[in-house]
Amino acid sequence: MLAAERQARIVHLITLQKTVTVAELCKRFSVSDMTVRRDLQRLEDDGILVRTHGGAVAITPEQDAAFGVREQSFTEEKEAIARVAASLIRPGDTVILDAGTTTARLARYLHGKVGLTVITTSLHVLRELGADDQITLIATGGTVRQATLSFVGSWAEEMLSRFHADALFMAATAVDLERGLFNSNVYEIGVKQQMIRSAHKVILVADHSKFGKQSTAKIAGLEALDCIITDQQVPLDLPVALREHDIEVRLASVQG
């Protein structure tokens, strides 16, 4: 059995049981404890589980709330972040907009930017920009995920691989300074990772509630980021810590 297949089966098992032991996995797959420990290390690096003494436990996933529910949280902060993000986009740029409540707001500020090309997996972005004849709008296609109203799957990933964008404006569920960027579901991970590969500059748009947390599936390490746009409610030491990772930090001010 290949390592990738064995690891996939471990993921399935821990999803069902919430916990596994090294001894149990050695017996099930007829491999050494060293092999199992390597598998668990890899899955922990991917943000799927947390190793314990003698085994591992599943990371408890956050509720994958529907778009409409998430849209109602931290609305002023998201609006401020969207304004700052839009100010970085110049007419004639090619940008990728990830699916998310903040990137949906960002799309509203792109009207009037002549010659802009927008590549997106988001149905909300498509709806916002679809009638703007000054913007070239490209949808990746793929399987529509209802909770996020976004395109996912191999078709979307393959389509993204055909492009090179000046910048990606990316969403994430959680940001941990040591372990990186996380998402609350595994379905969007491949698409987000391909977005990163297809962009010259990677910009995370995330309100303060996303920081200091982990979630179900790891997207990438912090080294994947060039810039983070967040709001002024983040802890005072956070921008300093992020800049130590050579990440530009922009703090958006809520108006009013």
C-alpha atoms as a PDB file:
ATOM      1  CA  MET A   1       0.000   0.000   0.000  1.00  0.00           C
ATOM      2  CA  LEU A   2       1.321   3.432  -0.943  1.00  0.00           C
ATOM      3  CA  ALA A   3       1.866   5.984   1.820  1.00  0.00           C
ATOM      4  CA  ALA A   4      -0.717   8.362   0.323  1.00  0.00           C
ATOM      5  CA  GLU A   5      -3.379   5.635   0.320  1.00  0.00           C
ATOM      6  CA  ARG A   6      -2.562   4.612   3.876  1.00  0.00           C
ATOM      7  CA  GLN A   7      -2.719   8.222   5.051  1.00  0.00           C
ATOM      8  CA  ALA A   8      -6.081   8.682   3.332  1.00  0.00           C
ATOM      9  CA  ARG A   9      -7.392   5.658   5.214  1.00  0.00           C
ATOM     10  CA  ILE A  10      -6.051   7.059   8.484  1.00  0.00           C
ATOM     11  CA  VAL A  11      -7.912  10.310   7.781  1.00  0.00           C
ATOM     12  CA  HIS A  12     -11.117   8.353   7.181  1.00  0.00           C
ATOM     13  CA  LEU A  13     -10.600   6.362  10.369  1.00  0.00           C
ATOM     14  CA  ILE A  14      -9.902   9.366  12.583  1.00  0.00           C
ATOM     15  CA  THR A  15     -12.881  11.189  11.082  1.00  0.00           C
ATOM     16  CA  LEU A  16     -15.093   8.331  12.252  1.00  0.00           C
ATOM     17  CA  GLN A  17     -13.450   7.580  15.600  1.00  0.00           C
ATOM     18  CA  LYS A  18     -12.001  11.002  16.491  1.00  0.00           C
ATOM     19  CA  THR A  19      -8.962   9.212  17.945  1.00  0.00           C
ATOM     20  CA  VAL A  20      -6.499   6.503  16.897  1.00  0.00           C
ATOM     21  CA  THR A  21      -3.527   4.744  18.483  1.00  0.00           C
ATOM     22  CA  VAL A  22      -0.198   3.856  16.917  1.00  0.00           C
ATOM     23  CA  ALA A  23      -0.654   0.220  17.949  1.00  0.00           C
ATOM     24  CA  GLU A  24      -4.075   0.077  16.297  1.00  0.00           C
ATOM     25  CA  LEU A  25      -2.742   1.510  13.031  1.00  0.00           C
ATOM     26  CA  CYS A  26       0.295  -0.784  12.996  1.00  0.00           C
ATOM     27  CA  LYS A  27      -1.976  -3.794  13.279  1.00  0.00           C
ATOM     28  CA  ARG A  28      -4.520  -2.529  10.752  1.00  0.00           C
ATOM     29  CA  PHE A  29      -1.961  -1.718   8.041  1.00  0.00           C
ATOM     30  CA  SER A  30       0.742  -4.273   8.923  1.00  0.00           C
ATOM     31  CA  VAL A  31       3.480  -1.637   9.139  1.00  0.00           C
ATOM     32  CA  SER A  32       6.027  -0.593  11.744  1.00  0.00           C
ATOM     33  CA  ASP A  33       5.351   2.004  14.416  1.00  0.00           C
ATOM     34  CA  MET A  34       7.982   4.228  12.785  1.00  0.00           C
ATOM     35  CA  THR A  35       5.978   4.195   9.542  1.00  0.00           C
ATOM     36  CA  VAL A  36       2.778   5.062  11.390  1.00  0.00           C
ATOM     37  CA  ARG A  37       4.484   7.874  13.278  1.00  0.00           C
ATOM     38  CA  ARG A  38       5.720   9.332   9.971  1.00  0.00           C
ATOM     39  CA  ASP A  39       2.172   9.153   8.617  1.00  0.00           C
ATOM     40  CA  LEU A  40       0.791  10.920  11.681  1.00  0.00           C
ATOM     41  CA  GLN A  41       3.491  13.571  11.472  1.00  0.00           C
ATOM     42  CA  ARG A  42       2.578  14.261   7.847  1.00  0.00           C
ATOM     43  CA  LEU A  43      -1.126  14.500   8.667  1.00  0.00           C
ATOM     44  CA  GLU A  44      -0.405  16.786  11.599  1.00  0.00           C
ATOM     45  CA  ASP A  45       1.671  19.015   9.295  1.00  0.00           C
ATOM     46  CA  ASP A  46      -1.353  19.140   6.982  1.00  0.00           C
ATOM     47  CA  GLY A  47      -3.554  20.289   9.850  1.00  0.00           C
ATOM     48  CA  ILE A  48      -5.771  17.201   9.913  1.00  0.00           C
ATOM     49  CA  LEU A  49      -4.955  15.822  13.358  1.00  0.00           C
ATOM     50  CA  VAL A  50      -2.925  16.427  16.505  1.00  0.00           C
ATOM     51  CA  ARG A  51      -0.475  13.781  17.652  1.00  0.00           C
ATOM     52  CA  THR A  52      -0.704  12.565  21.240  1.00  0.00           C
ATOM     53  CA  HIS A  53       1.342  10.149  23.317  1.00  0.00           C
ATOM     54  CA  GLY A  54       0.751   6.831  21.589  1.00  0.00           C
ATOM     55  CA  GLY A  55      -1.614   8.087  18.905  1.00  0.00           C
ATOM     56  CA  ALA A  56      -3.509  11.069  17.559  1.00  0.00           C
ATOM     57  CA  VAL A  57      -6.824  12.905  17.850  1.00  0.00           C
ATOM     58  CA  ALA A  58      -8.862  14.738  15.236  1.00  0.00           C
ATOM     59  CA  ILE A  59      -8.893  18.509  15.190  1.00  0.00           C
ATOM     60  CA  THR A  60     -12.416  19.548  16.065  1.00  0.00           C
ATOM     61  CA  PRO A  61     -13.719  21.391  13.026  1.00  0.00           C
ATOM     62  CA  GLU A  62     -15.341  24.739  13.322  1.00  0.00           C
ATOM     63  CA  GLN A  63     -18.876  24.999  12.035  1.00  0.00           C
ATOM     64  CA  ASP A  64     -18.739  25.500   8.281  1.00  0.00           C
ATOM     65  CA  ALA A  65     -21.411  28.163   8.361  1.00  0.00           C
ATOM     66  CA  ALA A  66     -23.286  29.138   5.254  1.00  0.00           C
ATOM     67  CA  PHE A  67     -22.194  32.299   3.432  1.00  0.00           C
ATOM     68  CA  GLY A  68     -25.223  34.285   4.581  1.00  0.00           C
ATOM     69  CA  VAL A  69     -24.458  33.559   8.232  1.00  0.00           C
ATOM     70  CA  ARG A  70     -20.772  34.445   7.955  1.00  0.00           C
ATOM     71  CA  GLU A  71     -21.585  37.611   6.011  1.00  0.00           C
ATOM     72  CA  GLN A  72     -23.304  39.074   9.082  1.00  0.00           C
ATOM     73  CA  SER A  73     -20.217  38.874  11.323  1.00  0.00           C
ATOM     74  CA  PHE A  74     -17.669  41.706  11.657  1.00  0.00           C
ATOM     75  CA  THR A  75     -19.295  43.573   8.786  1.00  0.00           C
ATOM     76  CA  GLU A  76     -17.600  46.930   9.430  1.00  0.00           C
ATOM     77  CA  GLU A  77     -14.183  45.317   9.690  1.00  0.00           C
ATOM     78  CA  LYS A  78     -14.681  43.364   6.462  1.00  0.00           C
ATOM     79  CA  GLU A  79     -15.824  46.499   4.672  1.00  0.00           C
ATOM     80  CA  ALA A  80     -12.730  48.380   5.828  1.00  0.00           C
ATOM     81  CA  ILE A  81     -10.449  45.529   4.762  1.00  0.00           C
ATOM     82  CA  ALA A  82     -12.140  45.389   1.362  1.00  0.00           C
ATOM     83  CA  ARG A  83     -11.534  49.113   0.800  1.00  0.00           C
ATOM     84  CA  VAL A  84      -7.839  48.805   1.581  1.00  0.00           C
ATOM     85  CA  ALA A  85      -7.505  45.721  -0.623  1.00  0.00           C
ATOM     86  CA  ALA A  86      -9.196  47.479  -3.547  1.00  0.00           C
ATOM     87  CA  SER A  87      -6.750  50.384  -3.250  1.00  0.00           C
ATOM     88  CA  LEU A  88      -3.913  47.977  -4.124  1.00  0.00           C
ATOM     89  CA  ILE A  89      -5.503  46.954  -7.427  1.00  0.00           C
ATOM     90  CA  ARG A  90      -4.660  49.065 -10.467  1.00  0.00           C
ATOM     91  CA  PRO A  91      -6.476  49.302 -13.794  1.00  0.00           C
ATOM     92  CA  GLY A  92      -5.052  46.676 -16.137  1.00  0.00           C
ATOM     93  CA  ASP A  93      -4.111  44.237 -13.354  1.00  0.00           C
ATOM     94  CA  THR A  94      -4.990  40.554 -13.406  1.00  0.00           C
ATOM     95  CA  VAL A  95      -6.191  39.371  -9.993  1.00  0.00           C
ATOM     96  CA  ILE A  96      -7.597  36.194  -8.469  1.00  0.00           C
ATOM     97  CA  LEU A  97     -10.435  36.604  -5.984  1.00  0.00           C
ATOM     98  CA  ASP A  98     -10.966  33.693  -3.635  1.00  0.00           C
ATOM     99  CA  ALA A  99     -14.435  32.810  -2.359  1.00  0.00           C
ATOM    100  CA  GLY A 100     -15.251  34.482   0.941  1.00  0.00           C
ATOM    101  CA  THR A 101     -17.342  37.171   2.563  1.00  0.00           C
ATOM    102  CA  THR A 102     -14.519  39.736   2.538  1.00  0.00           C
ATOM    103  CA  THR A 103     -13.534  39.072  -1.073  1.00  0.00           C
ATOM    104  CA  ALA A 104     -17.202  39.414  -2.041  1.00  0.00           C
ATOM    105  CA  ARG A 105     -17.151  42.881  -0.522  1.00  0.00           C
ATOM    106  CA  LEU A 106     -13.867  43.621  -2.283  1.00  0.00           C
ATOM    107  CA  ALA A 107     -15.518  42.953  -5.643  1.00  0.00           C
ATOM    108  CA  ARG A 108     -17.913  45.860  -5.044  1.00  0.00           C
ATOM    109  CA  TYR A 109     -14.982  48.285  -5.045  1.00  0.00           C
ATOM    110  CA  LEU A 110     -13.586  47.125  -8.393  1.00  0.00           C
ATOM    111  CA  HIS A 111     -16.135  48.850 -10.613  1.00  0.00           C
ATOM    112  CA  GLY A 112     -14.476  51.580 -12.684  1.00  0.00           C
ATOM    113  CA  LYS A 113     -11.037  49.946 -12.799  1.00  0.00           C
ATOM    114  CA  VAL A 114     -10.649  49.853 -16.570  1.00  0.00           C
ATOM    115  CA  GLY A 115      -8.928  46.879 -18.172  1.00  0.00           C
ATOM    116  CA  LEU A 116      -9.034  44.757 -15.021  1.00  0.00           C
ATOM    117  CA  THR A 117      -9.089  40.972 -15.362  1.00  0.00           C
ATOM    118  CA  VAL A 118     -10.661  39.070 -12.460  1.00  0.00           C
ATOM    119  CA  ILE A 119     -10.362  35.292 -12.114  1.00  0.00           C
ATOM    120  CA  THR A 120     -12.587  33.830  -9.431  1.00  0.00           C
ATOM    121  CA  THR A 121     -14.104  30.728  -7.881  1.00  0.00           C
ATOM    122  CA  SER A 122     -16.824  32.779  -6.195  1.00  0.00           C
ATOM    123  CA  LEU A 123     -20.414  32.908  -7.435  1.00  0.00           C
ATOM    124  CA  HIS A 124     -20.891  36.115  -5.418  1.00  0.00           C
ATOM    125  CA  VAL A 125     -18.024  37.808  -7.257  1.00  0.00           C
ATOM    126  CA  LEU A 126     -19.464  36.645 -10.575  1.00  0.00           C
ATOM    127  CA  ARG A 127     -22.836  38.132  -9.684  1.00  0.00           C
ATOM    128  CA  GLU A 128     -21.280  41.435  -8.583  1.00  0.00           C
ATOM    129  CA  LEU A 129     -19.004  41.950 -11.600  1.00  0.00           C
ATOM    130  CA  GLY A 130     -20.863  40.059 -14.320  1.00  0.00           C
ATOM    131  CA  ALA A 131     -22.500  43.156 -15.843  1.00  0.00           C
ATOM    132  CA  ASP A 132     -19.384  45.383 -15.746  1.00  0.00           C
ATOM    133  CA  ASP A 133     -18.195  45.593 -19.352  1.00  0.00           C
ATOM    134  CA  GLN A 134     -14.928  47.260 -18.316  1.00  0.00           C
ATOM    135  CA  ILE A 135     -13.793  44.129 -16.464  1.00  0.00           C
ATOM    136  CA  THR A 136     -12.792  40.821 -18.026  1.00  0.00           C
ATOM    137  CA  LEU A 137     -14.331  38.234 -15.721  1.00  0.00           C
ATOM    138  CA  ILE A 138     -13.182  34.611 -15.766  1.00  0.00           C
ATOM    139  CA  ALA A 139     -14.929  31.847 -13.811  1.00  0.00           C
ATOM    140  CA  THR A 140     -12.968  28.693 -13.088  1.00  0.00           C
ATOM    141  CA  GLY A 141     -15.948  26.388 -13.297  1.00  0.00           C
ATOM    142  CA  GLY A 142     -16.031  23.162 -11.329  1.00  0.00           C
ATOM    143  CA  THR A 143     -18.329  21.671  -8.724  1.00  0.00           C
ATOM    144  CA  VAL A 144     -20.350  24.252  -6.788  1.00  0.00           C
ATOM    145  CA  ARG A 145     -20.015  23.905  -3.029  1.00  0.00           C
ATOM    146  CA  GLN A 146     -23.276  25.103  -1.521  1.00  0.00           C
ATOM    147  CA  ALA A 147     -21.978  26.272   1.882  1.00  0.00           C
ATOM    148  CA  THR A 148     -19.559  28.738   0.300  1.00  0.00           C
ATOM    149  CA  LEU A 149     -21.146  29.126  -3.152  1.00  0.00           C
ATOM    150  CA  SER A 150     -17.750  28.514  -4.685  1.00  0.00           C
ATOM    151  CA  PHE A 151     -16.268  26.301  -7.377  1.00  0.00           C
ATOM    152  CA  VAL A 152     -14.115  23.429  -6.103  1.00  0.00           C
ATOM    153  CA  GLY A 153     -12.588  20.265  -7.497  1.00  0.00           C
ATOM    154  CA  SER A 154     -10.067  19.212 -10.121  1.00  0.00           C
ATOM    155  CA  TRP A 155     -11.700  21.207 -12.924  1.00  0.00           C
ATOM    156  CA  ALA A 156     -11.347  24.467 -10.966  1.00  0.00           C
ATOM    157  CA  GLU A 157      -7.756  23.618 -10.037  1.00  0.00           C
ATOM    158  CA  GLU A 158      -6.818  22.790 -13.631  1.00  0.00           C
ATOM    159  CA  MET A 159      -8.383  26.024 -14.886  1.00  0.00           C
ATOM    160  CA  LEU A 160      -6.475  28.095 -12.325  1.00  0.00           C
ATOM    161  CA  SER A 161      -3.207  26.439 -13.373  1.00  0.00           C
ATOM    162  CA  ARG A 162      -3.609  28.009 -16.828  1.00  0.00           C
ATOM    163  CA  PHE A 163      -3.269  31.570 -15.509  1.00  0.00           C
ATOM    164  CA  HIS A 164      -0.700  33.822 -13.894  1.00  0.00           C
ATOM    165  CA  ALA A 165      -2.109  36.727 -11.899  1.00  0.00           C
ATOM    166  CA  ASP A 166      -0.494  39.846 -10.504  1.00  0.00           C
ATOM    167  CA  ALA A 167      -2.122  39.192  -7.140  1.00  0.00           C
ATOM    168  CA  LEU A 168      -4.334  36.773  -5.260  1.00  0.00           C
ATOM    169  CA  PHE A 169      -6.721  38.050  -2.602  1.00  0.00           C
ATOM    170  CA  MET A 170      -7.258  34.995  -0.445  1.00  0.00           C
ATOM    171  CA  ALA A 171      -9.594  34.056   2.387  1.00  0.00           C
ATOM    172  CA  ALA A 172      -8.847  31.672   5.274  1.00  0.00           C
ATOM    173  CA  THR A 173     -10.730  30.392   8.302  1.00  0.00           C
ATOM    174  CA  ALA A 174      -7.817  30.592  10.734  1.00  0.00           C
ATOM    175  CA  VAL A 175      -4.254  31.887  10.964  1.00  0.00           C
ATOM    176  CA  ASP A 176      -1.683  30.458  13.365  1.00  0.00           C
ATOM    177  CA  LEU A 177       1.698  32.196  13.585  1.00  0.00           C
ATOM    178  CA  GLU A 178       3.580  28.918  13.895  1.00  0.00           C
ATOM    179  CA  ARG A 179       1.572  26.570  11.683  1.00  0.00           C
ATOM    180  CA  GLY A 180       0.170  28.824   8.975  1.00  0.00           C
ATOM    181  CA  LEU A 181      -3.169  29.183   7.210  1.00  0.00           C
ATOM    182  CA  PHE A 182      -6.175  26.909   7.731  1.00  0.00           C
ATOM    183  CA  ASN A 183      -9.609  26.319   6.268  1.00  0.00           C
ATOM    184  CA  SER A 184     -12.650  24.824   7.984  1.00  0.00           C
ATOM    185  CA  ASN A 185     -13.280  22.320   5.185  1.00  0.00           C
ATOM    186  CA  VAL A 186     -11.021  20.192   3.034  1.00  0.00           C
ATOM    187  CA  TYR A 187     -12.942  20.737  -0.205  1.00  0.00           C
ATOM    188  CA  GLU A 188     -11.405  24.125  -0.965  1.00  0.00           C
ATOM    189  CA  ILE A 189      -7.806  23.303  -0.023  1.00  0.00           C
ATOM    190  CA  GLY A 190      -6.625  22.177  -3.465  1.00  0.00           C
ATOM    191  CA  VAL A 191      -8.175  25.219  -5.134  1.00  0.00           C
ATOM    192  CA  LYS A 192      -6.599  27.627  -2.643  1.00  0.00           C
ATOM    193  CA  GLN A 193      -3.185  25.997  -3.028  1.00  0.00           C
ATOM    194  CA  GLN A 194      -3.386  26.303  -6.814  1.00  0.00           C
ATOM    195  CA  MET A 195      -4.403  29.955  -6.462  1.00  0.00           C
ATOM    196  CA  ILE A 196      -1.206  30.553  -4.497  1.00  0.00           C
ATOM    197  CA  ARG A 197       0.891  28.908  -7.214  1.00  0.00           C
ATOM    198  CA  SER A 198      -0.823  30.997  -9.906  1.00  0.00           C
ATOM    199  CA  ALA A 199      -0.214  34.417  -8.333  1.00  0.00           C
ATOM    200  CA  HIS A 200       2.854  36.650  -8.215  1.00  0.00           C
ATOM    201  CA  LYS A 201       1.741  38.217  -4.931  1.00  0.00           C
ATOM    202  CA  VAL A 202      -0.432  36.526  -2.282  1.00  0.00           C
ATOM    203  CA  ILE A 203      -2.533  38.812  -0.091  1.00  0.00           C
ATOM    204  CA  LEU A 204      -4.638  37.462   2.765  1.00  0.00           C
ATOM    205  CA  VAL A 205      -7.775  39.433   3.661  1.00  0.00           C
ATOM    206  CA  ALA A 206      -8.901  38.397   7.140  1.00  0.00           C
ATOM    207  CA  ASP A 207     -10.535  40.140  10.088  1.00  0.00           C
ATOM    208  CA  HIS A 208      -9.062  39.952  13.583  1.00  0.00           C
ATOM    209  CA  SER A 209     -11.212  36.976  14.632  1.00  0.00           C
ATOM    210  CA  LYS A 210      -9.243  34.650  12.348  1.00  0.00           C
ATOM    211  CA  PHE A 211      -5.881  35.001  14.124  1.00  0.00           C
ATOM    212  CA  GLY A 212      -4.394  32.790  16.815  1.00  0.00           C
ATOM    213  CA  LYS A 213      -6.462  29.800  15.714  1.00  0.00           C
ATOM    214  CA  GLN A 214      -6.225  26.534  13.810  1.00  0.00           C
ATOM    215  CA  SER A 215      -8.939  24.752  11.886  1.00  0.00           C
ATOM    216  CA  THR A 216      -9.556  21.489  10.089  1.00  0.00           C
ATOM    217  CA  ALA A 217      -7.234  21.592   7.079  1.00  0.00           C
ATOM    218  CA  LYS A 218      -3.973  23.401   6.450  1.00  0.00           C
ATOM    219  CA  ILE A 219      -3.718  25.539   3.322  1.00  0.00           C
ATOM    220  CA  ALA A 220      -0.077  26.652   3.516  1.00  0.00           C
ATOM    221  CA  GLY A 221       2.600  28.026   5.793  1.00  0.00           C
ATOM    222  CA  LEU A 222       2.973  31.745   6.416  1.00  0.00           C
ATOM    223  CA  GLU A 223       5.836  31.804   3.925  1.00  0.00           C
ATOM    224  CA  ALA A 224       3.225  31.651   1.161  1.00  0.00           C
ATOM    225  CA  LEU A 225       2.028  35.161   2.054  1.00  0.00           C
ATOM    226  CA  ASP A 226       3.378  38.500   0.901  1.00  0.00           C
ATOM    227  CA  CYS A 227       0.827  40.705   2.631  1.00  0.00           C
ATOM    228  CA  ILE A 228      -1.998  40.529   5.182  1.00  0.00           C
ATOM    229  CA  ILE A 229      -4.797  43.064   5.321  1.00  0.00           C
ATOM    230  CA  THR A 230      -6.693  42.969   8.603  1.00  0.00           C
ATOM    231  CA  ASP A 231      -8.417  45.380  10.977  1.00  0.00           C
ATOM    232  CA  GLN A 232      -7.114  47.366  13.905  1.00  0.00           C
ATOM    233  CA  GLN A 233      -8.564  45.049  16.541  1.00  0.00           C
ATOM    234  CA  VAL A 234      -5.772  42.506  16.130  1.00  0.00           C
ATOM    235  CA  PRO A 235      -3.427  42.193  19.144  1.00  0.00           C
ATOM    236  CA  LEU A 236      -0.771  44.922  19.163  1.00  0.00           C
ATOM    237  CA  ASP A 237       2.091  42.442  18.908  1.00  0.00           C
ATOM    238  CA  LEU A 238       0.634  40.616  15.896  1.00  0.00           C
ATOM    239  CA  PRO A 239       1.836  42.992  13.144  1.00  0.00           C
ATOM    240  CA  VAL A 240       5.341  42.899  14.609  1.00  0.00           C
ATOM    241  CA  ALA A 241       5.348  39.101  14.675  1.00  0.00           C
ATOM    242  CA  LEU A 242       4.073  38.897  11.095  1.00  0.00           C
ATOM    243  CA  ARG A 243       6.668  41.365   9.842  1.00  0.00           C
ATOM    244  CA  GLU A 244       9.324  39.096  11.324  1.00  0.00           C
ATOM    245  CA  HIS A 245       8.073  36.572   8.762  1.00  0.00           C
ATOM    246  CA  ASP A 246       8.705  39.219   6.043  1.00  0.00           C
ATOM    247  CA  ILE A 247       4.962  39.711   5.610  1.00  0.00           C
ATOM    248  CA  GLU A 248       3.672  43.202   4.945  1.00  0.00           C
ATOM    249  CA  VAL A 249       0.795  44.099   7.262  1.00  0.00           C
ATOM    250  CA  ARG A 250      -1.866  46.691   6.483  1.00  0.00           C
ATOM    251  CA  LEU A 251      -4.389  47.645   9.156  1.00  0.00           C
ATOM    252  CA  ALA A 252      -7.760  48.812   7.909  1.00  0.00           C
ATOM    253  CA  SER A 253      -9.573  51.510   9.888  1.00  0.00           C
ATOM    254  CA  VAL A 254     -13.334  51.232  10.383  1.00  0.00           C
ATOM    255  CA  GLN A 255     -15.084  54.405   9.268  1.00  0.00           C
ATOM    256  CA  GLY A 256     -17.652  56.181  11.366  1.00  0.00           C
END
